[in-house]
Amino acid sequence: MDAHRVYRVVAEQGARGFSGAVLVQQGADVVLAQGFGLANRSEGIPNETETRFGIASEPSSSPPLPLINWSTPDN
């Protein structure tokens, strides 16, 4: 897996408003671990790999959380 390609894809999503933390692993190897966007927009605090995200019940009008699983079975 090409870490630069993965970073470009996530950075492109960041330009479209994605804000969060990304962890991509291939087996035990970390390919990419980075925060994107802001954790707190009003104070300009950036997301980091250690950012804690509040998970709570929200109105049904909120958009779904995008998750991508590019895993393949280990042989």
C-alpha atoms as a PDB file:
ATOM      1  CA  MET A   1       0.000   0.000   0.000  1.00  0.00           C
ATOM      2  CA  ASP A   2       1.377   3.384  -0.973  1.00  0.00           C
ATOM      3  CA  ALA A   3       1.237   5.776   2.010  1.00  0.00           C
ATOM      4  CA  HIS A   4       1.529   8.819  -0.275  1.00  0.00           C
ATOM      5  CA  ARG A   5      -1.513   7.731  -2.294  1.00  0.00           C
ATOM      6  CA  VAL A   6      -3.564   7.123   0.848  1.00  0.00           C
ATOM      7  CA  TYR A   7      -2.531  10.536   2.206  1.00  0.00           C
ATOM      8  CA  ARG A   8      -3.537  12.248  -1.078  1.00  0.00           C
ATOM      9  CA  VAL A   9      -6.981  10.612  -1.027  1.00  0.00           C
ATOM     10  CA  VAL A  10      -7.611  11.667   2.578  1.00  0.00           C
ATOM     11  CA  ALA A  11      -6.198  15.171   1.993  1.00  0.00           C
ATOM     12  CA  GLU A  12      -8.548  15.576  -0.997  1.00  0.00           C
ATOM     13  CA  GLN A  13     -11.456  14.688   1.287  1.00  0.00           C
ATOM     14  CA  GLY A  14     -10.117  17.220   3.808  1.00  0.00           C
ATOM     15  CA  ALA A  15     -10.319  19.890   1.120  1.00  0.00           C
ATOM     16  CA  ARG A  16     -13.999  18.928   0.766  1.00  0.00           C
ATOM     17  CA  GLY A  17     -14.609  19.352   4.488  1.00  0.00           C
ATOM     18  CA  PHE A  18     -13.516  16.045   6.035  1.00  0.00           C
ATOM     19  CA  SER A  19     -12.414  16.503   9.616  1.00  0.00           C
ATOM     20  CA  GLY A  20     -11.246  13.592  11.723  1.00  0.00           C
ATOM     21  CA  ALA A  21      -8.439  11.168  12.453  1.00  0.00           C
ATOM     22  CA  VAL A  22      -7.261   8.443  10.102  1.00  0.00           C
ATOM     23  CA  LEU A  23      -5.431   5.224  10.876  1.00  0.00           C
ATOM     24  CA  VAL A  24      -4.443   2.916   8.013  1.00  0.00           C
ATOM     25  CA  GLN A  25      -2.638  -0.306   8.796  1.00  0.00           C
ATOM     26  CA  GLN A  26      -1.343  -3.080   6.595  1.00  0.00           C
ATOM     27  CA  GLY A  27      -0.932  -6.042   8.876  1.00  0.00           C
ATOM     28  CA  ALA A  28       0.958  -4.746  11.907  1.00  0.00           C
ATOM     29  CA  ASP A  29       2.538  -1.883   9.935  1.00  0.00           C
ATOM     30  CA  VAL A  30       1.042   1.600  10.260  1.00  0.00           C
ATOM     31  CA  VAL A  31       0.768   3.096   6.764  1.00  0.00           C
ATOM     32  CA  LEU A  32      -0.808   6.389   7.829  1.00  0.00           C
ATOM     33  CA  ALA A  33      -1.809   7.868  11.192  1.00  0.00           C
ATOM     34  CA  GLN A  34      -2.784  11.521  11.045  1.00  0.00           C
ATOM     35  CA  GLY A  35      -5.419  14.025  12.073  1.00  0.00           C
ATOM     36  CA  PHE A  36      -7.136  16.174   9.441  1.00  0.00           C
ATOM     37  CA  GLY A  37      -9.198  19.324   9.809  1.00  0.00           C
ATOM     38  CA  LEU A  38     -10.207  20.973  13.043  1.00  0.00           C
ATOM     39  CA  ALA A  39     -11.291  19.362  16.307  1.00  0.00           C
ATOM     40  CA  ASN A  40     -12.684  22.717  17.449  1.00  0.00           C
ATOM     41  CA  ARG A  41     -13.515  25.137  14.655  1.00  0.00           C
ATOM     42  CA  SER A  42     -14.305  28.108  16.862  1.00  0.00           C
ATOM     43  CA  GLU A  43     -10.910  27.929  18.576  1.00  0.00           C
ATOM     44  CA  GLY A  44      -8.937  26.648  15.570  1.00  0.00           C
ATOM     45  CA  ILE A  45      -7.716  23.507  17.361  1.00  0.00           C
ATOM     46  CA  PRO A  46      -6.544  20.884  14.840  1.00  0.00           C
ATOM     47  CA  ASN A  47      -7.370  17.182  14.942  1.00  0.00           C
ATOM     48  CA  GLU A  48      -4.508  14.906  15.930  1.00  0.00           C
ATOM     49  CA  THR A  49      -4.124  11.147  16.128  1.00  0.00           C
ATOM     50  CA  GLU A  50      -4.854  11.363  19.868  1.00  0.00           C
ATOM     51  CA  THR A  51      -7.956  13.584  19.524  1.00  0.00           C
ATOM     52  CA  ARG A  52     -10.874  12.212  21.495  1.00  0.00           C
ATOM     53  CA  PHE A  53     -14.192  12.448  19.691  1.00  0.00           C
ATOM     54  CA  GLY A  54     -17.461  12.690  21.562  1.00  0.00           C
ATOM     55  CA  ILE A  55     -19.894  10.031  20.429  1.00  0.00           C
ATOM     56  CA  ALA A  56     -23.491  10.695  21.297  1.00  0.00           C
ATOM     57  CA  SER A  57     -26.976  10.360  19.945  1.00  0.00           C
ATOM     58  CA  GLU A  58     -27.637  12.978  17.302  1.00  0.00           C
ATOM     59  CA  PRO A  59     -30.670  13.913  15.243  1.00  0.00           C
ATOM     60  CA  SER A  60     -31.381  11.595  12.331  1.00  0.00           C
ATOM     61  CA  SER A  61     -30.645  14.458   9.916  1.00  0.00           C
ATOM     62  CA  SER A  62     -26.902  14.206  10.605  1.00  0.00           C
ATOM     63  CA  PRO A  63     -24.804  12.673   7.808  1.00  0.00           C
ATOM     64  CA  PRO A  64     -23.480   9.130   8.179  1.00  0.00           C
ATOM     65  CA  LEU A  65     -19.928   8.537   9.368  1.00  0.00           C
ATOM     66  CA  PRO A  66     -17.830   7.365   6.410  1.00  0.00           C
ATOM     67  CA  LEU A  67     -15.773   4.262   7.068  1.00  0.00           C
ATOM     68  CA  ILE A  68     -13.594   2.595   4.475  1.00  0.00           C
ATOM     69  CA  ASN A  69     -12.348  -0.939   4.911  1.00  0.00           C
ATOM     70  CA  TRP A  70      -9.675  -1.821   2.373  1.00  0.00           C
ATOM     71  CA  SER A  71      -8.726  -4.999   4.190  1.00  0.00           C
ATOM     72  CA  THR A  72      -7.913  -8.256   2.510  1.00  0.00           C
ATOM     73  CA  PRO A  73      -7.899 -11.652   4.171  1.00  0.00           C
ATOM     74  CA  ASP A  74      -4.503 -12.784   5.441  1.00  0.00           C
ATOM     75  CA  ASN A  75      -3.302 -15.966   3.801  1.00  0.00           C
END
